[in-house]
mmCIF file of all heavy atoms, coordinates in Angstrom:
data_MODEL
# 
_entry.id   MODEL 
# 
loop_
_atom_site.group_PDB 
_atom_site.id 
_atom_site.type_symbol 
_atom_site.label_atom_id 
_atom_site.label_alt_id 
_atom_site.label_comp_id 
_atom_site.label_asym_id 
_atom_site.label_entity_id 
_atom_site.label_seq_id 
_atom_site.pdbx_PDB_ins_code 
_atom_site.Cartn_x 
_atom_site.Cartn_y 
_atom_site.Cartn_z 
_atom_site.occupancy 
_atom_site.B_iso_or_equiv 
_atom_site.pdbx_formal_charge 
_atom_site.auth_seq_id 
_atom_site.auth_comp_id 
_atom_site.auth_asym_id 
_atom_site.auth_atom_id 
_atom_site.pdbx_PDB_model_num 
ATOM 1   N N   . ARG A 1 1  ? 5.939   -7.349  1.622  1.00 0.00 ? 1  ARG A N   1 
ATOM 2   C CA  . ARG A 1 1  ? 6.759   -8.206  2.501  1.00 0.00 ? 1  ARG A CA  1 
ATOM 3   C C   . ARG A 1 1  ? 8.264   -8.247  2.171  1.00 0.00 ? 1  ARG A C   1 
ATOM 4   O O   . ARG A 1 1  ? 9.028   -8.367  3.050  1.00 0.00 ? 1  ARG A O   1 
ATOM 5   C CB  . ARG A 1 1  ? 6.126   -9.638  2.459  1.00 0.00 ? 1  ARG A CB  1 
ATOM 6   C CG  . ARG A 1 1  ? 4.832   -9.779  3.101  1.00 0.00 ? 1  ARG A CG  1 
ATOM 7   C CD  . ARG A 1 1  ? 4.416   -11.256 3.314  1.00 0.00 ? 1  ARG A CD  1 
ATOM 8   N NE  . ARG A 1 1  ? 4.153   -11.903 2.050  1.00 0.00 ? 1  ARG A NE  1 
ATOM 9   C CZ  . ARG A 1 1  ? 3.084   -11.907 1.321  1.00 0.00 ? 1  ARG A CZ  1 
ATOM 10  N NH1 . ARG A 1 1  ? 2.030   -11.250 1.815  1.00 0.00 ? 1  ARG A NH1 1 
ATOM 11  N NH2 . ARG A 1 1  ? 2.935   -12.580 0.259  1.00 0.00 ? 1  ARG A NH2 1 
ATOM 12  N N   . VAL A 1 2  ? 8.638   -8.079  0.862  1.00 0.00 ? 2  VAL A N   1 
ATOM 13  C CA  . VAL A 1 2  ? 9.978   -8.197  0.435  1.00 0.00 ? 2  VAL A CA  1 
ATOM 14  C C   . VAL A 1 2  ? 10.658  -6.891  0.522  1.00 0.00 ? 2  VAL A C   1 
ATOM 15  O O   . VAL A 1 2  ? 11.918  -6.851  0.435  1.00 0.00 ? 2  VAL A O   1 
ATOM 16  C CB  . VAL A 1 2  ? 9.949   -8.800  -0.963 1.00 0.00 ? 2  VAL A CB  1 
ATOM 17  C CG1 . VAL A 1 2  ? 9.702   -7.708  -2.055 1.00 0.00 ? 2  VAL A CG1 1 
ATOM 18  C CG2 . VAL A 1 2  ? 11.330  -9.442  -1.237 1.00 0.00 ? 2  VAL A CG2 1 
ATOM 19  N N   . CYS A 1 3  ? 9.985   -5.795  0.674  1.00 0.00 ? 3  CYS A N   1 
ATOM 20  C CA  . CYS A 1 3  ? 10.686  -4.401  0.676  1.00 0.00 ? 3  CYS A CA  1 
ATOM 21  C C   . CYS A 1 3  ? 11.586  -4.335  1.837  1.00 0.00 ? 3  CYS A C   1 
ATOM 22  O O   . CYS A 1 3  ? 11.202  -4.480  3.036  1.00 0.00 ? 3  CYS A O   1 
ATOM 23  C CB  . CYS A 1 3  ? 9.512   -3.336  0.763  1.00 0.00 ? 3  CYS A CB  1 
ATOM 24  S SG  . CYS A 1 3  ? 10.318  -1.610  0.768  1.00 0.00 ? 3  CYS A SG  1 
ATOM 25  N N   . PRO A 1 4  ? 12.883  -4.093  1.567  1.00 0.00 ? 4  PRO A N   1 
ATOM 26  C CA  . PRO A 1 4  ? 13.911  -4.083  2.638  1.00 0.00 ? 4  PRO A CA  1 
ATOM 27  C C   . PRO A 1 4  ? 13.749  -3.018  3.666  1.00 0.00 ? 4  PRO A C   1 
ATOM 28  O O   . PRO A 1 4  ? 14.225  -3.033  4.721  1.00 0.00 ? 4  PRO A O   1 
ATOM 29  C CB  . PRO A 1 4  ? 15.238  -4.130  1.906  1.00 0.00 ? 4  PRO A CB  1 
ATOM 30  C CG  . PRO A 1 4  ? 14.937  -3.506  0.596  1.00 0.00 ? 4  PRO A CG  1 
ATOM 31  C CD  . PRO A 1 4  ? 13.473  -3.948  0.282  1.00 0.00 ? 4  PRO A CD  1 
ATOM 32  N N   . SER A 1 5  ? 13.274  -1.819  3.147  1.00 0.00 ? 5  SER A N   1 
ATOM 33  C CA  . SER A 1 5  ? 13.126  -0.609  4.020  1.00 0.00 ? 5  SER A CA  1 
ATOM 34  C C   . SER A 1 5  ? 11.798  -0.554  4.750  1.00 0.00 ? 5  SER A C   1 
ATOM 35  O O   . SER A 1 5  ? 11.617  0.326   5.615  1.00 0.00 ? 5  SER A O   1 
ATOM 36  C CB  . SER A 1 5  ? 13.327  0.602   3.162  1.00 0.00 ? 5  SER A CB  1 
ATOM 37  O OG  . SER A 1 5  ? 12.195  0.873   2.327  1.00 0.00 ? 5  SER A OG  1 
ATOM 38  N N   . GLN A 1 6  ? 10.845  -1.447  4.351  1.00 0.00 ? 6  GLN A N   1 
ATOM 39  C CA  . GLN A 1 6  ? 9.449   -1.402  4.838  1.00 0.00 ? 6  GLN A CA  1 
ATOM 40  C C   . GLN A 1 6  ? 8.745   -0.151  4.504  1.00 0.00 ? 6  GLN A C   1 
ATOM 41  O O   . GLN A 1 6  ? 7.732   0.250   5.065  1.00 0.00 ? 6  GLN A O   1 
ATOM 42  C CB  . GLN A 1 6  ? 9.452   -1.599  6.455  1.00 0.00 ? 6  GLN A CB  1 
ATOM 43  C CG  . GLN A 1 6  ? 10.082  -2.954  6.800  1.00 0.00 ? 6  GLN A CG  1 
ATOM 44  C CD  . GLN A 1 6  ? 9.950   -3.186  8.340  1.00 0.00 ? 6  GLN A CD  1 
ATOM 45  O OE1 . GLN A 1 6  ? 10.007  -2.305  9.040  1.00 0.00 ? 6  GLN A OE1 1 
ATOM 46  N NE2 . GLN A 1 6  ? 9.854   -4.421  8.712  1.00 0.00 ? 6  GLN A NE2 1 
ATOM 47  N N   . GLY A 1 7  ? 9.281   0.499   3.466  1.00 0.00 ? 7  GLY A N   1 
ATOM 48  C CA  . GLY A 1 7  ? 8.609   1.747   2.948  1.00 0.00 ? 7  GLY A CA  1 
ATOM 49  C C   . GLY A 1 7  ? 7.400   1.379   2.165  1.00 0.00 ? 7  GLY A C   1 
ATOM 50  O O   . GLY A 1 7  ? 6.396   2.267   2.117  1.00 0.00 ? 7  GLY A O   1 
ATOM 51  N N   . LEU A 1 8  ? 7.361   0.200   1.583  1.00 0.00 ? 8  LEU A N   1 
ATOM 52  C CA  . LEU A 1 8  ? 6.073   -0.189  0.860  1.00 0.00 ? 8  LEU A CA  1 
ATOM 53  C C   . LEU A 1 8  ? 5.032   -0.635  1.896  1.00 0.00 ? 8  LEU A C   1 
ATOM 54  O O   . LEU A 1 8  ? 5.309   -1.454  2.765  1.00 0.00 ? 8  LEU A O   1 
ATOM 55  C CB  . LEU A 1 8  ? 6.325   -1.284  -0.084 1.00 0.00 ? 8  LEU A CB  1 
ATOM 56  C CG  . LEU A 1 8  ? 6.908   -0.963  -1.485 1.00 0.00 ? 8  LEU A CG  1 
ATOM 57  C CD1 . LEU A 1 8  ? 6.937   -2.161  -2.342 1.00 0.00 ? 8  LEU A CD1 1 
ATOM 58  C CD2 . LEU A 1 8  ? 6.104   0.174   -2.168 1.00 0.00 ? 8  LEU A CD2 1 
ATOM 59  N N   . GLN A 1 9  ? 3.882   0.025   1.821  1.00 0.00 ? 9  GLN A N   1 
ATOM 60  C CA  . GLN A 1 9  ? 2.784   -0.231  2.756  1.00 0.00 ? 9  GLN A CA  1 
ATOM 61  C C   . GLN A 1 9  ? 1.514   -0.428  2.002  1.00 0.00 ? 9  GLN A C   1 
ATOM 62  O O   . GLN A 1 9  ? 1.291   0.136   0.943  1.00 0.00 ? 9  GLN A O   1 
ATOM 63  C CB  . GLN A 1 9  ? 2.714   0.857   3.810  1.00 0.00 ? 9  GLN A CB  1 
ATOM 64  C CG  . GLN A 1 9  ? 3.903   1.164   4.688  1.00 0.00 ? 9  GLN A CG  1 
ATOM 65  C CD  . GLN A 1 9  ? 4.018   0.012   5.747  1.00 0.00 ? 9  GLN A CD  1 
ATOM 66  O OE1 . GLN A 1 9  ? 3.032   -0.429  6.264  1.00 0.00 ? 9  GLN A OE1 1 
ATOM 67  N NE2 . GLN A 1 9  ? 5.231   -0.445  5.970  1.00 0.00 ? 9  GLN A NE2 1 
ATOM 68  N N   . PRO A 1 10 ? 0.551   -1.160  2.489  1.00 0.00 ? 10 PRO A N   1 
ATOM 69  C CA  . PRO A 1 10 ? -0.765  -1.300  1.883  1.00 0.00 ? 10 PRO A CA  1 
ATOM 70  C C   . PRO A 1 10 ? -1.567  -0.047  2.046  1.00 0.00 ? 10 PRO A C   1 
ATOM 71  O O   . PRO A 1 10 ? -1.491  0.655   3.079  1.00 0.00 ? 10 PRO A O   1 
ATOM 72  C CB  . PRO A 1 10 ? -1.485  -2.452  2.685  1.00 0.00 ? 10 PRO A CB  1 
ATOM 73  C CG  . PRO A 1 10 ? -0.411  -3.060  3.523  1.00 0.00 ? 10 PRO A CG  1 
ATOM 74  C CD  . PRO A 1 10 ? 0.652   -2.061  3.754  1.00 0.00 ? 10 PRO A CD  1 
ATOM 75  N N   . SER A 1 11 ? -2.074  0.411   0.882  1.00 0.00 ? 11 SER A N   1 
ATOM 76  C CA  . SER A 1 11 ? -2.983  1.626   0.926  1.00 0.00 ? 11 SER A CA  1 
ATOM 77  C C   . SER A 1 11 ? -4.242  1.419   1.758  1.00 0.00 ? 11 SER A C   1 
ATOM 78  O O   . SER A 1 11 ? -4.702  0.194   1.847  1.00 0.00 ? 11 SER A O   1 
ATOM 79  C CB  . SER A 1 11 ? -3.323  1.931   -0.445 1.00 0.00 ? 11 SER A CB  1 
ATOM 80  O OG  . SER A 1 11 ? -2.235  2.338   -1.266 1.00 0.00 ? 11 SER A OG  1 
ATOM 81  N N   . LEU A 1 12 ? -4.712  2.392   2.368  1.00 0.00 ? 12 LEU A N   1 
ATOM 82  C CA  . LEU A 1 12 ? -6.102  2.361   2.932  1.00 0.00 ? 12 LEU A CA  1 
ATOM 83  C C   . LEU A 1 12 ? -6.976  2.975   1.941  1.00 0.00 ? 12 LEU A C   1 
ATOM 84  O O   . LEU A 1 12 ? -7.455  2.231   0.994  1.00 0.00 ? 12 LEU A O   1 
ATOM 85  C CB  . LEU A 1 12 ? -6.048  3.078   4.276  1.00 0.00 ? 12 LEU A CB  1 
ATOM 86  C CG  . LEU A 1 12 ? -5.104  2.458   5.305  1.00 0.00 ? 12 LEU A CG  1 
ATOM 87  C CD1 . LEU A 1 12 ? -5.178  3.248   6.646  1.00 0.00 ? 12 LEU A CD1 1 
ATOM 88  C CD2 . LEU A 1 12 ? -5.556  0.947   5.605  1.00 0.00 ? 12 LEU A CD2 1 
ATOM 89  N N   . PHE A 1 13 ? -7.219  4.230   1.978  1.00 0.00 ? 13 PHE A N   1 
ATOM 90  C CA  . PHE A 1 13 ? -8.123  4.832   1.008  1.00 0.00 ? 13 PHE A CA  1 
ATOM 91  C C   . PHE A 1 13 ? -7.475  5.981   0.168  1.00 0.00 ? 13 PHE A C   1 
ATOM 92  O O   . PHE A 1 13 ? -8.138  6.754   -0.403 1.00 0.00 ? 13 PHE A O   1 
ATOM 93  C CB  . PHE A 1 13 ? -9.439  5.311   1.675  1.00 0.00 ? 13 PHE A CB  1 
ATOM 94  C CG  . PHE A 1 13 ? -10.242 4.234   2.225  1.00 0.00 ? 13 PHE A CG  1 
ATOM 95  C CD1 . PHE A 1 13 ? -10.277 3.996   3.703  1.00 0.00 ? 13 PHE A CD1 1 
ATOM 96  C CD2 . PHE A 1 13 ? -10.997 3.379   1.461  1.00 0.00 ? 13 PHE A CD2 1 
ATOM 97  C CE1 . PHE A 1 13 ? -11.048 3.014   4.231  1.00 0.00 ? 13 PHE A CE1 1 
ATOM 98  C CE2 . PHE A 1 13 ? -11.738 2.319   1.977  1.00 0.00 ? 13 PHE A CE2 1 
ATOM 99  C CZ  . PHE A 1 13 ? -11.725 2.112   3.372  1.00 0.00 ? 13 PHE A CZ  1 
ATOM 100 N N   . GLU A 1 14 ? -6.149  5.979   0.239  1.00 0.00 ? 14 GLU A N   1 
ATOM 101 C CA  . GLU A 1 14 ? -5.392  7.029   -0.501 1.00 0.00 ? 14 GLU A CA  1 
ATOM 102 C C   . GLU A 1 14 ? -5.643  6.799   -1.887 1.00 0.00 ? 14 GLU A C   1 
ATOM 103 O O   . GLU A 1 14 ? -5.514  7.886   -2.731 1.00 0.00 ? 14 GLU A O   1 
ATOM 104 C CB  . GLU A 1 14 ? -3.899  6.918   -0.159 1.00 0.00 ? 14 GLU A CB  1 
ATOM 105 C CG  . GLU A 1 14 ? -3.533  7.156   1.270  1.00 0.00 ? 14 GLU A CG  1 
ATOM 106 C CD  . GLU A 1 14 ? -3.581  5.904   2.165  1.00 0.00 ? 14 GLU A CD  1 
ATOM 107 O OE1 . GLU A 1 14 ? -4.020  4.879   1.660  1.00 0.00 ? 14 GLU A OE1 1 
ATOM 108 O OE2 . GLU A 1 14 ? -3.206  5.943   3.308  1.00 0.00 ? 14 GLU A OE2 1 
ATOM 109 N N   . ALA A 1 15 ? -5.872  5.633   -2.387 1.00 0.00 ? 15 ALA A N   1 
ATOM 110 C CA  . ALA A 1 15 ? -6.117  5.397   -3.815 1.00 0.00 ? 15 ALA A CA  1 
ATOM 111 C C   . ALA A 1 15 ? -7.542  5.158   -4.063 1.00 0.00 ? 15 ALA A C   1 
ATOM 112 O O   . ALA A 1 15 ? -7.968  4.571   -5.150 1.00 0.00 ? 15 ALA A O   1 
ATOM 113 C CB  . ALA A 1 15 ? -5.320  4.191   -4.330 1.00 0.00 ? 15 ALA A CB  1 
ATOM 114 N N   . GLY A 1 16 ? -8.468  5.525   -3.213 1.00 0.00 ? 16 GLY A N   1 
ATOM 115 C CA  . GLY A 1 16 ? -9.911  5.372   -3.336 1.00 0.00 ? 16 GLY A CA  1 
ATOM 116 C C   . GLY A 1 16 ? -10.325 4.023   -2.928 1.00 0.00 ? 16 GLY A C   1 
ATOM 117 O O   . GLY A 1 16 ? -9.423  3.101   -2.518 1.00 0.00 ? 16 GLY A O   1 
ATOM 118 N N   . VAL A 1 17 ? -11.546 3.659   -3.004 1.00 0.00 ? 17 VAL A N   1 
ATOM 119 C CA  . VAL A 1 17 ? -12.048 2.385   -2.533 1.00 0.00 ? 17 VAL A CA  1 
ATOM 120 C C   . VAL A 1 17 ? -11.489 1.274   -3.368 1.00 0.00 ? 17 VAL A C   1 
ATOM 121 O O   . VAL A 1 17 ? -11.096 0.254   -2.790 1.00 0.00 ? 17 VAL A O   1 
ATOM 122 C CB  . VAL A 1 17 ? -13.597 2.366   -2.566 1.00 0.00 ? 17 VAL A CB  1 
ATOM 123 C CG1 . VAL A 1 17 ? -14.138 1.050   -2.227 1.00 0.00 ? 17 VAL A CG1 1 
ATOM 124 C CG2 . VAL A 1 17 ? -14.204 3.389   -1.631 1.00 0.00 ? 17 VAL A CG2 1 
ATOM 125 N N   . GLN A 1 18 ? -11.355 1.469   -4.642 1.00 0.00 ? 18 GLN A N   1 
ATOM 126 C CA  . GLN A 1 18 ? -10.896 0.446   -5.515 1.00 0.00 ? 18 GLN A CA  1 
ATOM 127 C C   . GLN A 1 18 ? -9.428  0.145   -5.377 1.00 0.00 ? 18 GLN A C   1 
ATOM 128 O O   . GLN A 1 18 ? -8.928  -0.956  -5.721 1.00 0.00 ? 18 GLN A O   1 
ATOM 129 C CB  . GLN A 1 18 ? -11.181 0.776   -6.977 1.00 0.00 ? 18 GLN A CB  1 
ATOM 130 C CG  . GLN A 1 18 ? -12.679 0.694   -7.343 1.00 0.00 ? 18 GLN A CG  1 
ATOM 131 C CD  . GLN A 1 18 ? -12.876 0.964   -8.862 1.00 0.00 ? 18 GLN A CD  1 
ATOM 132 O OE1 . GLN A 1 18 ? -12.467 1.891   -9.362 1.00 0.00 ? 18 GLN A OE1 1 
ATOM 133 N NE2 . GLN A 1 18 ? -13.672 0.102   -9.443 1.00 0.00 ? 18 GLN A NE2 1 
ATOM 134 N N   . GLY A 1 19 ? -8.696  0.991   -4.757 1.00 0.00 ? 19 GLY A N   1 
ATOM 135 C CA  . GLY A 1 19 ? -7.256  0.830   -4.501 1.00 0.00 ? 19 GLY A CA  1 
ATOM 136 C C   . GLY A 1 19 ? -6.954  0.386   -3.172 1.00 0.00 ? 19 GLY A C   1 
ATOM 137 O O   . GLY A 1 19 ? -5.788  0.274   -2.794 1.00 0.00 ? 19 GLY A O   1 
ATOM 138 N N   . PHE A 1 20 ? -8.011  -0.022  -2.372 1.00 0.00 ? 20 PHE A N   1 
ATOM 139 C CA  . PHE A 1 20 ? -7.763  -0.500  -1.059 1.00 0.00 ? 20 PHE A CA  1 
ATOM 140 C C   . PHE A 1 20 ? -6.740  -1.736  -1.032 1.00 0.00 ? 20 PHE A C   1 
ATOM 141 O O   . PHE A 1 20 ? -6.833  -2.650  -1.818 1.00 0.00 ? 20 PHE A O   1 
ATOM 142 C CB  . PHE A 1 20 ? -9.083  -0.989  -0.462 1.00 0.00 ? 20 PHE A CB  1 
ATOM 143 C CG  . PHE A 1 20 ? -8.981  -1.328  0.960  1.00 0.00 ? 20 PHE A CG  1 
ATOM 144 C CD1 . PHE A 1 20 ? -8.767  -0.385  1.983  1.00 0.00 ? 20 PHE A CD1 1 
ATOM 145 C CD2 . PHE A 1 20 ? -9.245  -2.608  1.404  1.00 0.00 ? 20 PHE A CD2 1 
ATOM 146 C CE1 . PHE A 1 20 ? -8.706  -0.671  3.302  1.00 0.00 ? 20 PHE A CE1 1 
ATOM 147 C CE2 . PHE A 1 20 ? -9.259  -2.951  2.774  1.00 0.00 ? 20 PHE A CE2 1 
ATOM 148 C CZ  . PHE A 1 20 ? -8.980  -2.016  3.728  1.00 0.00 ? 20 PHE A CZ  1 
ATOM 149 N N   . LEU A 1 21 ? -5.705  -1.569  -0.164 1.00 0.00 ? 21 LEU A N   1 
ATOM 150 C CA  . LEU A 1 21 ? -4.646  -2.607  0.066  1.00 0.00 ? 21 LEU A CA  1 
ATOM 151 C C   . LEU A 1 21 ? -3.633  -2.665  -1.065 1.00 0.00 ? 21 LEU A C   1 
ATOM 152 O O   . LEU A 1 21 ? -2.778  -3.570  -1.067 1.00 0.00 ? 21 LEU A O   1 
ATOM 153 C CB  . LEU A 1 21 ? -5.281  -3.990  0.353  1.00 0.00 ? 21 LEU A CB  1 
ATOM 154 C CG  . LEU A 1 21 ? -6.092  -4.107  1.576  1.00 0.00 ? 21 LEU A CG  1 
ATOM 155 C CD1 . LEU A 1 21 ? -6.563  -5.564  1.804  1.00 0.00 ? 21 LEU A CD1 1 
ATOM 156 C CD2 . LEU A 1 21 ? -5.270  -3.696  2.803  1.00 0.00 ? 21 LEU A CD2 1 
ATOM 157 N N   . THR A 1 22 ? -3.737  -1.772  -2.159 1.00 0.00 ? 22 THR A N   1 
ATOM 158 C CA  . THR A 1 22 ? -2.619  -1.830  -3.076 1.00 0.00 ? 22 THR A CA  1 
ATOM 159 C C   . THR A 1 22 ? -1.405  -1.163  -2.496 1.00 0.00 ? 22 THR A C   1 
ATOM 160 O O   . THR A 1 22 ? -1.537  -0.341  -1.576 1.00 0.00 ? 22 THR A O   1 
ATOM 161 C CB  . THR A 1 22 ? -3.089  -0.997  -4.347 1.00 0.00 ? 22 THR A CB  1 
ATOM 162 O OG1 . THR A 1 22 ? -3.545  0.309   -4.016 1.00 0.00 ? 22 THR A OG1 1 
ATOM 163 C CG2 . THR A 1 22 ? -4.227  -1.753  -5.070 1.00 0.00 ? 22 THR A CG2 1 
ATOM 164 N N   . PRO A 1 23 ? -0.266  -1.523  -2.959 1.00 0.00 ? 23 PRO A N   1 
ATOM 165 C CA  . PRO A 1 23 ? 0.969   -1.039  -2.304 1.00 0.00 ? 23 PRO A CA  1 
ATOM 166 C C   . PRO A 1 23 ? 1.279   0.437   -2.755 1.00 0.00 ? 23 PRO A C   1 
ATOM 167 O O   . PRO A 1 23 ? 1.067   0.899   -3.817 1.00 0.00 ? 23 PRO A O   1 
ATOM 168 C CB  . PRO A 1 23 ? 2.098   -1.935  -2.925 1.00 0.00 ? 23 PRO A CB  1 
ATOM 169 C CG  . PRO A 1 23 ? 1.496   -2.360  -4.312 1.00 0.00 ? 23 PRO A CG  1 
ATOM 170 C CD  . PRO A 1 23 ? 0.119   -2.548  -3.996 1.00 0.00 ? 23 PRO A CD  1 
ATOM 171 N N   . ARG A 1 24 ? 1.833   1.104   -1.689 1.00 0.00 ? 24 ARG A N   1 
ATOM 172 C CA  . ARG A 1 24 ? 2.275   2.568   -1.848 1.00 0.00 ? 24 ARG A CA  1 
ATOM 173 C C   . ARG A 1 24 ? 3.515   2.778   -1.110 1.00 0.00 ? 24 ARG A C   1 
ATOM 174 O O   . ARG A 1 24 ? 3.726   2.072   -0.078 1.00 0.00 ? 24 ARG A O   1 
ATOM 175 C CB  . ARG A 1 24 ? 1.135   3.533   -1.479 1.00 0.00 ? 24 ARG A CB  1 
ATOM 176 C CG  . ARG A 1 24 ? 0.925   3.532   0.088  1.00 0.00 ? 24 ARG A CG  1 
ATOM 177 C CD  . ARG A 1 24 ? -0.296  4.420   0.376  1.00 0.00 ? 24 ARG A CD  1 
ATOM 178 N NE  . ARG A 1 24 ? -0.074  5.776   0.121  1.00 0.00 ? 24 ARG A NE  1 
ATOM 179 C CZ  . ARG A 1 24 ? 0.084   6.745   1.140  1.00 0.00 ? 24 ARG A CZ  1 
ATOM 180 N NH1 . ARG A 1 24 ? 0.056   6.413   2.428  1.00 0.00 ? 24 ARG A NH1 1 
ATOM 181 N NH2 . ARG A 1 24 ? 0.190   7.969   0.786  1.00 0.00 ? 24 ARG A NH2 1 
# 
């Protein structure tokens, strides 16, 4: 939410199931 460029996004499955919704 605070990223000024909106480049930070919640992961889907790029980080595997355990990484779901972690920022990338």
